[in-house]
Amino acid sequence: MYRYIATDVDGTMLDSRHQLNSAALNTALGQLQQQNVSWIVASGDSYRFLKKCFAPCPLIDTFISINGALIVQKGQVVFERTHAKSQVNELIKAVNALPVTPDVILLTGWNHTWGTRISDLKAWPFGINIDFIDDLTQVNDKIYNVNPIWLNHQVTPDQIRGFAQQMIERYPVYATYSGFGCMDVLPLGVNKAAGLKELIINDDHDQLKSVVAFGDSSNDRQMLQEAGLGVAMKNASPDILKLANRITSYDNDHDGVLREVQSIFNLS
């Protein structure tokens, strides 16, 4: 029945130390290959990060990156959608004018990820490689995502979801809370479910009914809603727990995805 597995990464495949259990994943991938089940990574992270993260798992070769703005399969770009340069500059101004100013703004491009400077780099909690610069409007690259981040934990996920709604109402974009104090402001029409359709719609006449999808945060909402089986992580945000068909028995620190996959597909 299910021919595809689509998984988020941060808070889902990666544990709280941002580590991947590649040995156990490779064992599962080998068994799934015998059942003709394909594994698709669907993440808000850049393709550069995902390629490096999953390098120990060569059976995974399909990446819906940046929440669907850039899709790469077997090393080839099969879909991309970017912001116009003029809109990038307008969005930078807009997120700086939100009721709570973000601590950092990132631009995810084809060549690199750039960010506004922060006073203490030691306080930066993410492992991605970023060029911190003085003026993001000077970046000359294809930009897939404008990504404001609030490092102040007093800013709640619900506040960020509200900021995302403000962006949707004011601009032709799709904006979403993506966990860890982050908001993604993406080109209109971009989300993980749309990315999955770009990959498999010609091979799946029942839309996404042959997909088992795993996620933990608001940017996984459409993917979990439209999949044949939408599975929320035990550690997922409340909005995702409410809409899921199923909740993992274990969280991301205890191989929640792999244990659930073993159960669904009867792996040893």
C-alpha atoms as a PDB file:
ATOM      1  CA  MET A   1       0.000   0.000   0.000  1.00  0.00           C
ATOM      2  CA  TYR A   2       2.668   2.497   1.016  1.00  0.00           C
ATOM      3  CA  ARG A   3       5.466   3.004  -1.496  1.00  0.00           C
ATOM      4  CA  TYR A   4       7.149   6.112  -0.124  1.00  0.00           C
ATOM      5  CA  ILE A   5       8.413   7.355   3.234  1.00  0.00           C
ATOM      6  CA  ALA A   6       8.871  11.116   3.602  1.00  0.00           C
ATOM      7  CA  THR A   7      10.626  12.391   6.699  1.00  0.00           C
ATOM      8  CA  ASP A   8      11.426  15.746   8.202  1.00  0.00           C
ATOM      9  CA  VAL A   9      14.955  16.058   9.640  1.00  0.00           C
ATOM     10  CA  ASP A  10      15.368  18.407  12.632  1.00  0.00           C
ATOM     11  CA  GLY A  11      13.308  17.113  15.543  1.00  0.00           C
ATOM     12  CA  THR A  12      12.399  14.014  13.531  1.00  0.00           C
ATOM     13  CA  MET A  13      15.347  12.115  12.042  1.00  0.00           C
ATOM     14  CA  LEU A  14      17.994  13.984  14.037  1.00  0.00           C
ATOM     15  CA  ASP A  15      18.166  13.712  17.815  1.00  0.00           C
ATOM     16  CA  SER A  16      18.513  16.689  20.157  1.00  0.00           C
ATOM     17  CA  ARG A  17      22.293  16.658  19.569  1.00  0.00           C
ATOM     18  CA  HIS A  18      21.641  16.925  15.808  1.00  0.00           C
ATOM     19  CA  GLN A  19      22.951  13.391  15.258  1.00  0.00           C
ATOM     20  CA  LEU A  20      21.633  10.825  12.761  1.00  0.00           C
ATOM     21  CA  ASN A  21      21.531   7.095  13.542  1.00  0.00           C
ATOM     22  CA  SER A  22      22.908   6.246  10.114  1.00  0.00           C
ATOM     23  CA  ALA A  23      23.743   2.605  10.931  1.00  0.00           C
ATOM     24  CA  ALA A  24      20.154   1.750  11.907  1.00  0.00           C
ATOM     25  CA  LEU A  25      18.814   3.821   9.015  1.00  0.00           C
ATOM     26  CA  ASN A  26      20.960   1.947   6.497  1.00  0.00           C
ATOM     27  CA  THR A  27      19.678  -1.385   7.824  1.00  0.00           C
ATOM     28  CA  ALA A  28      16.087  -0.214   7.380  1.00  0.00           C
ATOM     29  CA  LEU A  29      16.802   1.209   3.917  1.00  0.00           C
ATOM     30  CA  GLY A  30      18.181  -2.110   2.712  1.00  0.00           C
ATOM     31  CA  GLN A  31      15.060  -3.960   3.840  1.00  0.00           C
ATOM     32  CA  LEU A  32      12.744  -1.301   2.417  1.00  0.00           C
ATOM     33  CA  GLN A  33      14.494  -1.497  -0.944  1.00  0.00           C
ATOM     34  CA  GLN A  34      13.476  -5.147  -1.121  1.00  0.00           C
ATOM     35  CA  GLN A  35       9.864  -3.988  -0.713  1.00  0.00           C
ATOM     36  CA  ASN A  36      10.292  -1.288  -3.411  1.00  0.00           C
ATOM     37  CA  VAL A  37       9.746   1.455  -0.841  1.00  0.00           C
ATOM     38  CA  SER A  38      11.588   4.734  -1.447  1.00  0.00           C
ATOM     39  CA  TRP A  39      12.746   7.112   1.308  1.00  0.00           C
ATOM     40  CA  ILE A  40      12.456  10.854   0.633  1.00  0.00           C
ATOM     41  CA  VAL A  41      13.966  13.491   2.910  1.00  0.00           C
ATOM     42  CA  ALA A  42      11.663  16.533   3.224  1.00  0.00           C
ATOM     43  CA  SER A  43      13.218  19.304   5.284  1.00  0.00           C
ATOM     44  CA  GLY A  44      13.457  23.031   5.794  1.00  0.00           C
ATOM     45  CA  ASP A  45      17.241  22.676   5.709  1.00  0.00           C
ATOM     46  CA  SER A  46      19.368  23.566   2.693  1.00  0.00           C
ATOM     47  CA  TYR A  47      20.299  20.917   0.150  1.00  0.00           C
ATOM     48  CA  ARG A  48      23.975  21.447   1.019  1.00  0.00           C
ATOM     49  CA  PHE A  49      23.314  20.514   4.646  1.00  0.00           C
ATOM     50  CA  LEU A  50      21.096  17.548   3.788  1.00  0.00           C
ATOM     51  CA  LYS A  51      23.578  16.125   1.292  1.00  0.00           C
ATOM     52  CA  LYS A  52      26.284  16.212   3.962  1.00  0.00           C
ATOM     53  CA  CYS A  53      24.003  14.905   6.716  1.00  0.00           C
ATOM     54  CA  PHE A  54      22.835  11.868   4.719  1.00  0.00           C
ATOM     55  CA  ALA A  55      26.138  11.146   2.967  1.00  0.00           C
ATOM     56  CA  PRO A  56      26.552   7.940   5.079  1.00  0.00           C
ATOM     57  CA  CYS A  57      23.215   6.698   3.662  1.00  0.00           C
ATOM     58  CA  PRO A  58      23.688   6.380  -0.126  1.00  0.00           C
ATOM     59  CA  LEU A  59      20.291   4.715  -0.648  1.00  0.00           C
ATOM     60  CA  ILE A  60      18.718   8.113   0.082  1.00  0.00           C
ATOM     61  CA  ASP A  61      19.126  10.210  -3.052  1.00  0.00           C
ATOM     62  CA  THR A  62      15.992  12.383  -3.094  1.00  0.00           C
ATOM     63  CA  PHE A  63      15.814  15.628  -1.130  1.00  0.00           C
ATOM     64  CA  ILE A  64      12.932  18.066  -0.805  1.00  0.00           C
ATOM     65  CA  SER A  65      14.985  20.879   0.692  1.00  0.00           C
ATOM     66  CA  ILE A  66      14.038  24.337   1.980  1.00  0.00           C
ATOM     67  CA  ASN A  67      10.470  23.090   2.557  1.00  0.00           C
ATOM     68  CA  GLY A  68      10.049  22.317  -1.141  1.00  0.00           C
ATOM     69  CA  ALA A  69      11.692  25.352  -2.732  1.00  0.00           C
ATOM     70  CA  LEU A  70      14.534  23.194  -4.088  1.00  0.00           C
ATOM     71  CA  ILE A  71      14.155  19.504  -4.964  1.00  0.00           C
ATOM     72  CA  VAL A  72      17.180  17.435  -5.925  1.00  0.00           C
ATOM     73  CA  GLN A  73      17.054  13.798  -7.036  1.00  0.00           C
ATOM     74  CA  LYS A  74      20.180  11.771  -7.803  1.00  0.00           C
ATOM     75  CA  GLY A  75      22.194  14.978  -7.783  1.00  0.00           C
ATOM     76  CA  GLN A  76      19.975  16.726 -10.348  1.00  0.00           C
ATOM     77  CA  VAL A  77      17.673  19.673  -9.684  1.00  0.00           C
ATOM     78  CA  VAL A  78      14.132  18.624 -10.607  1.00  0.00           C
ATOM     79  CA  PHE A  79      12.312  21.673  -9.216  1.00  0.00           C
ATOM     80  CA  GLU A  80      13.126  25.065  -7.754  1.00  0.00           C
ATOM     81  CA  ARG A  81      11.293  28.263  -6.947  1.00  0.00           C
ATOM     82  CA  THR A  82      12.992  31.441  -5.770  1.00  0.00           C
ATOM     83  CA  HIS A  83      12.085  34.898  -4.523  1.00  0.00           C
ATOM     84  CA  ALA A  84      12.525  37.862  -6.850  1.00  0.00           C
ATOM     85  CA  LYS A  85      15.441  40.055  -5.751  1.00  0.00           C
ATOM     86  CA  SER A  86      13.173  43.034  -5.158  1.00  0.00           C
ATOM     87  CA  GLN A  87      10.902  40.918  -2.963  1.00  0.00           C
ATOM     88  CA  VAL A  88      13.830  39.608  -0.908  1.00  0.00           C
ATOM     89  CA  ASN A  89      14.766  43.162   0.048  1.00  0.00           C
ATOM     90  CA  GLU A  90      11.140  43.995   0.857  1.00  0.00           C
ATOM     91  CA  LEU A  91      10.807  40.878   3.027  1.00  0.00           C
ATOM     92  CA  ILE A  92      13.984  41.744   4.942  1.00  0.00           C
ATOM     93  CA  LYS A  93      12.444  45.116   5.801  1.00  0.00           C
ATOM     94  CA  ALA A  94       9.141  43.504   6.718  1.00  0.00           C
ATOM     95  CA  VAL A  95      10.533  40.923   9.145  1.00  0.00           C
ATOM     96  CA  ASN A  96      12.661  43.615  10.799  1.00  0.00           C
ATOM     97  CA  ALA A  97       9.445  45.589  11.350  1.00  0.00           C
ATOM     98  CA  LEU A  98       7.568  42.750  13.075  1.00  0.00           C
ATOM     99  CA  PRO A  99       6.348  43.406  16.650  1.00  0.00           C
ATOM    100  CA  VAL A 100       9.374  41.494  17.962  1.00  0.00           C
ATOM    101  CA  THR A 101      12.511  42.006  15.866  1.00  0.00           C
ATOM    102  CA  PRO A 102      14.295  38.732  15.046  1.00  0.00           C
ATOM    103  CA  ASP A 103      17.777  38.206  16.440  1.00  0.00           C
ATOM    104  CA  VAL A 104      19.067  36.890  13.115  1.00  0.00           C
ATOM    105  CA  ILE A 105      17.803  36.838   9.531  1.00  0.00           C
ATOM    106  CA  LEU A 106      19.122  34.160   7.186  1.00  0.00           C
ATOM    107  CA  LEU A 107      18.929  34.038   3.401  1.00  0.00           C
ATOM    108  CA  THR A 108      19.169  30.541   1.946  1.00  0.00           C
ATOM    109  CA  GLY A 109      20.635  30.640  -1.539  1.00  0.00           C
ATOM    110  CA  TRP A 110      21.991  28.232  -4.107  1.00  0.00           C
ATOM    111  CA  ASN A 111      25.628  28.997  -3.341  1.00  0.00           C
ATOM    112  CA  HIS A 112      25.483  29.640   0.385  1.00  0.00           C
ATOM    113  CA  THR A 113      23.486  30.767   3.411  1.00  0.00           C
ATOM    114  CA  TRP A 114      24.003  34.293   4.681  1.00  0.00           C
ATOM    115  CA  GLY A 115      22.968  35.831   7.988  1.00  0.00           C
ATOM    116  CA  THR A 116      22.895  39.153   9.785  1.00  0.00           C
ATOM    117  CA  ARG A 117      25.682  39.522  12.315  1.00  0.00           C
ATOM    118  CA  ILE A 118      25.126  38.546  15.943  1.00  0.00           C
ATOM    119  CA  SER A 119      27.156  39.870  18.853  1.00  0.00           C
ATOM    120  CA  ASP A 120      28.164  36.490  20.237  1.00  0.00           C
ATOM    121  CA  LEU A 121      28.765  33.690  17.749  1.00  0.00           C
ATOM    122  CA  LYS A 122      29.178  31.261  20.650  1.00  0.00           C
ATOM    123  CA  ALA A 123      25.450  31.724  21.328  1.00  0.00           C
ATOM    124  CA  TRP A 124      24.556  30.498  17.827  1.00  0.00           C
ATOM    125  CA  PRO A 125      22.744  27.169  18.396  1.00  0.00           C
ATOM    126  CA  PHE A 126      22.720  25.779  14.855  1.00  0.00           C
ATOM    127  CA  GLY A 127      25.438  23.809  13.132  1.00  0.00           C
ATOM    128  CA  ILE A 128      24.903  25.061   9.582  1.00  0.00           C
ATOM    129  CA  ASN A 129      27.697  26.935   7.827  1.00  0.00           C
ATOM    130  CA  ILE A 130      26.716  30.605   7.521  1.00  0.00           C
ATOM    131  CA  ASP A 131      28.442  33.766   6.327  1.00  0.00           C
ATOM    132  CA  PHE A 132      27.449  36.516   8.769  1.00  0.00           C
ATOM    133  CA  ILE A 133      27.518  39.837   6.929  1.00  0.00           C
ATOM    134  CA  ASP A 134      26.523  43.463   7.511  1.00  0.00           C
ATOM    135  CA  ASP A 135      24.022  43.961   4.685  1.00  0.00           C
ATOM    136  CA  LEU A 136      21.857  41.137   3.339  1.00  0.00           C
ATOM    137  CA  THR A 137      20.554  43.346   0.529  1.00  0.00           C
ATOM    138  CA  GLN A 138      23.986  43.021  -1.111  1.00  0.00           C
ATOM    139  CA  VAL A 139      23.713  39.240  -1.485  1.00  0.00           C
ATOM    140  CA  ASN A 140      23.784  38.257  -5.154  1.00  0.00           C
ATOM    141  CA  ASP A 141      22.374  34.749  -5.450  1.00  0.00           C
ATOM    142  CA  LYS A 142      19.159  32.876  -6.081  1.00  0.00           C
ATOM    143  CA  ILE A 143      17.265  33.104  -2.764  1.00  0.00           C
ATOM    144  CA  TYR A 144      14.821  30.375  -1.791  1.00  0.00           C
ATOM    145  CA  ASN A 145      14.031  31.365   1.800  1.00  0.00           C
ATOM    146  CA  VAL A 146      14.031  34.410   4.058  1.00  0.00           C
ATOM    147  CA  ASN A 147      14.428  32.939   7.522  1.00  0.00           C
ATOM    148  CA  PRO A 148      14.054  35.159  10.624  1.00  0.00           C
ATOM    149  CA  ILE A 149      15.128  33.501  13.870  1.00  0.00           C
ATOM    150  CA  TRP A 150      14.301  34.478  17.443  1.00  0.00           C
ATOM    151  CA  LEU A 151      16.910  33.193  19.875  1.00  0.00           C
ATOM    152  CA  ASN A 152      14.993  34.728  22.801  1.00  0.00           C
ATOM    153  CA  HIS A 153      12.895  31.897  24.239  1.00  0.00           C
ATOM    154  CA  GLN A 154      10.318  34.407  25.488  1.00  0.00           C
ATOM    155  CA  VAL A 155       9.014  34.555  21.893  1.00  0.00           C
ATOM    156  CA  THR A 156       6.584  31.643  21.695  1.00  0.00           C
ATOM    157  CA  PRO A 157       5.822  29.362  18.748  1.00  0.00           C
ATOM    158  CA  ASP A 158       2.284  30.757  18.657  1.00  0.00           C
ATOM    159  CA  GLN A 159       3.669  34.291  18.328  1.00  0.00           C
ATOM    160  CA  ILE A 160       5.849  33.191  15.424  1.00  0.00           C
ATOM    161  CA  ARG A 161       2.858  31.477  13.789  1.00  0.00           C
ATOM    162  CA  GLY A 162       1.066  34.826  14.112  1.00  0.00           C
ATOM    163  CA  PHE A 163       3.992  36.612  12.466  1.00  0.00           C
ATOM    164  CA  ALA A 164       3.860  34.052   9.643  1.00  0.00           C
ATOM    165  CA  GLN A 165       0.176  34.787   9.096  1.00  0.00           C
ATOM    166  CA  GLN A 166       0.961  38.506   8.908  1.00  0.00           C
ATOM    167  CA  MET A 167       3.500  37.834   6.163  1.00  0.00           C
ATOM    168  CA  ILE A 168       0.989  35.718   4.207  1.00  0.00           C
ATOM    169  CA  GLU A 169      -1.620  38.481   4.431  1.00  0.00           C
ATOM    170  CA  ARG A 170       0.790  41.197   3.255  1.00  0.00           C
ATOM    171  CA  TYR A 171       2.892  39.492   0.582  1.00  0.00           C
ATOM    172  CA  PRO A 172       2.565  36.811  -2.136  1.00  0.00           C
ATOM    173  CA  VAL A 173       4.480  34.251  -0.040  1.00  0.00           C
ATOM    174  CA  TYR A 174       3.971  31.167   2.058  1.00  0.00           C
ATOM    175  CA  ALA A 175       5.269  31.597   5.612  1.00  0.00           C
ATOM    176  CA  THR A 176       5.379  29.023   8.403  1.00  0.00           C
ATOM    177  CA  TYR A 177       6.805  28.370  11.835  1.00  0.00           C
ATOM    178  CA  SER A 178       9.493  25.735  11.361  1.00  0.00           C
ATOM    179  CA  GLY A 179      10.560  25.026  14.943  1.00  0.00           C
ATOM    180  CA  PHE A 180      13.509  26.152  17.056  1.00  0.00           C
ATOM    181  CA  GLY A 181      12.426  29.811  17.043  1.00  0.00           C
ATOM    182  CA  CYS A 182      12.452  29.968  13.220  1.00  0.00           C
ATOM    183  CA  MET A 183      10.041  31.227  10.602  1.00  0.00           C
ATOM    184  CA  ASP A 184      10.441  30.375   6.916  1.00  0.00           C
ATOM    185  CA  VAL A 185       9.189  32.890   4.348  1.00  0.00           C
ATOM    186  CA  LEU A 186       9.027  30.989   1.078  1.00  0.00           C
ATOM    187  CA  PRO A 187       7.850  31.666  -2.473  1.00  0.00           C
ATOM    188  CA  LEU A 188       4.103  31.331  -2.914  1.00  0.00           C
ATOM    189  CA  GLY A 189       2.956  27.752  -3.438  1.00  0.00           C
ATOM    190  CA  VAL A 190       5.991  26.167  -1.793  1.00  0.00           C
ATOM    191  CA  ASN A 191       5.483  23.546   0.918  1.00  0.00           C
ATOM    192  CA  LYS A 192       6.517  19.938   1.516  1.00  0.00           C
ATOM    193  CA  ALA A 193       3.287  18.413   0.191  1.00  0.00           C
ATOM    194  CA  ALA A 194       3.630  20.374  -3.055  1.00  0.00           C
ATOM    195  CA  GLY A 195       7.231  19.168  -3.265  1.00  0.00           C
ATOM    196  CA  LEU A 196       6.156  15.551  -2.884  1.00  0.00           C
ATOM    197  CA  LYS A 197       3.626  15.985  -5.676  1.00  0.00           C
ATOM    198  CA  GLU A 198       6.342  17.338  -7.960  1.00  0.00           C
ATOM    199  CA  LEU A 199       8.225  14.091  -7.415  1.00  0.00           C
ATOM    200  CA  ILE A 200       5.586  11.392  -7.463  1.00  0.00           C
ATOM    201  CA  ILE A 201       2.321  12.682  -8.929  1.00  0.00           C
ATOM    202  CA  ASN A 202       2.961  11.007 -12.308  1.00  0.00           C
ATOM    203  CA  ASP A 203       3.655   7.743 -10.519  1.00  0.00           C
ATOM    204  CA  ASP A 204       0.835   7.939  -7.986  1.00  0.00           C
ATOM    205  CA  HIS A 205      -2.682   8.508  -9.286  1.00  0.00           C
ATOM    206  CA  ASP A 206      -4.009   8.691  -5.731  1.00  0.00           C
ATOM    207  CA  GLN A 207      -2.086  11.893  -5.044  1.00  0.00           C
ATOM    208  CA  LEU A 208      -0.027  11.261  -1.897  1.00  0.00           C
ATOM    209  CA  LYS A 209      -1.986   8.287  -0.544  1.00  0.00           C
ATOM    210  CA  SER A 210       0.996   5.981  -0.999  1.00  0.00           C
ATOM    211  CA  VAL A 211       3.172   8.165   1.282  1.00  0.00           C
ATOM    212  CA  VAL A 212       3.906   7.682   4.979  1.00  0.00           C
ATOM    213  CA  ALA A 213       5.054  11.092   6.238  1.00  0.00           C
ATOM    214  CA  PHE A 214       6.780  11.959   9.510  1.00  0.00           C
ATOM    215  CA  GLY A 215       7.114  15.423  11.036  1.00  0.00           C
ATOM    216  CA  ASP A 216       7.219  17.446  14.212  1.00  0.00           C
ATOM    217  CA  SER A 217       6.490  21.106  13.427  1.00  0.00           C
ATOM    218  CA  SER A 218       4.145  23.457  11.589  1.00  0.00           C
ATOM    219  CA  ASN A 219       6.089  23.333   8.322  1.00  0.00           C
ATOM    220  CA  ASP A 220       5.152  19.630   8.140  1.00  0.00           C
ATOM    221  CA  ARG A 221       1.411  20.334   8.330  1.00  0.00           C
ATOM    222  CA  GLN A 222       0.414  20.006   4.652  1.00  0.00           C
ATOM    223  CA  MET A 223       2.631  16.954   4.164  1.00  0.00           C
ATOM    224  CA  LEU A 224       1.080  15.109   7.105  1.00  0.00           C
ATOM    225  CA  GLN A 225      -2.443  16.141   6.142  1.00  0.00           C
ATOM    226  CA  GLU A 226      -2.170  14.987   2.528  1.00  0.00           C
ATOM    227  CA  ALA A 227      -0.132  11.815   3.041  1.00  0.00           C
ATOM    228  CA  GLY A 228      -1.805   8.436   3.143  1.00  0.00           C
ATOM    229  CA  LEU A 229      -0.493   8.135   6.703  1.00  0.00           C
ATOM    230  CA  GLY A 230       0.599  11.269   8.540  1.00  0.00           C
ATOM    231  CA  VAL A 231       2.724  10.436  11.573  1.00  0.00           C
ATOM    232  CA  ALA A 232       3.606  13.021  14.220  1.00  0.00           C
ATOM    233  CA  MET A 233       6.652  12.592  16.385  1.00  0.00           C
ATOM    234  CA  LYS A 234       5.998  12.063  20.074  1.00  0.00           C
ATOM    235  CA  ASN A 235       7.941  15.313  20.588  1.00  0.00           C
ATOM    236  CA  ALA A 236       5.891  17.213  17.952  1.00  0.00           C
ATOM    237  CA  SER A 237       4.275  20.595  18.538  1.00  0.00           C
ATOM    238  CA  PRO A 238       0.622  20.530  19.703  1.00  0.00           C
ATOM    239  CA  ASP A 239      -0.809  21.585  16.327  1.00  0.00           C
ATOM    240  CA  ILE A 240       0.923  18.659  14.608  1.00  0.00           C
ATOM    241  CA  LEU A 241      -0.098  16.163  17.293  1.00  0.00           C
ATOM    242  CA  LYS A 242      -3.745  17.156  16.738  1.00  0.00           C
ATOM    243  CA  LEU A 243      -3.823  16.618  12.986  1.00  0.00           C
ATOM    244  CA  ALA A 244      -1.746  13.431  12.695  1.00  0.00           C
ATOM    245  CA  ASN A 245      -3.239  10.020  11.917  1.00  0.00           C
ATOM    246  CA  ARG A 246      -0.697   8.430  14.223  1.00  0.00           C
ATOM    247  CA  ILE A 247       1.892   9.435  16.842  1.00  0.00           C
ATOM    248  CA  THR A 248       5.216   7.679  17.286  1.00  0.00           C
ATOM    249  CA  SER A 249       5.699   5.730  20.505  1.00  0.00           C
ATOM    250  CA  TYR A 250       9.206   7.151  20.868  1.00  0.00           C
ATOM    251  CA  ASP A 251      10.634  10.644  20.372  1.00  0.00           C
ATOM    252  CA  ASN A 252      13.498  11.755  18.131  1.00  0.00           C
ATOM    253  CA  ASP A 253      16.050  10.952  20.854  1.00  0.00           C
ATOM    254  CA  HIS A 254      14.979   7.302  20.822  1.00  0.00           C
ATOM    255  CA  ASP A 255      14.733   6.484  17.093  1.00  0.00           C
ATOM    256  CA  GLY A 256      11.036   7.281  16.946  1.00  0.00           C
ATOM    257  CA  VAL A 257      10.902   7.269  13.128  1.00  0.00           C
ATOM    258  CA  LEU A 258      12.876   4.064  12.666  1.00  0.00           C
ATOM    259  CA  ARG A 259      10.870   2.174  15.283  1.00  0.00           C
ATOM    260  CA  GLU A 260       7.604   3.263  13.639  1.00  0.00           C
ATOM    261  CA  VAL A 261       8.867   2.337  10.172  1.00  0.00           C
ATOM    262  CA  GLN A 262       9.835  -1.091  11.469  1.00  0.00           C
ATOM    263  CA  SER A 263       6.269  -1.543  12.735  1.00  0.00           C
ATOM    264  CA  ILE A 264       4.478  -0.212   9.631  1.00  0.00           C
ATOM    265  CA  PHE A 265       6.571  -2.200   7.155  1.00  0.00           C
ATOM    266  CA  ASN A 266       7.179  -5.275   9.299  1.00  0.00           C
ATOM    267  CA  LEU A 267      10.950  -4.930   9.280  1.00  0.00           C
ATOM    268  CA  SER A 268      13.132  -7.186  11.405  1.00  0.00           C
END
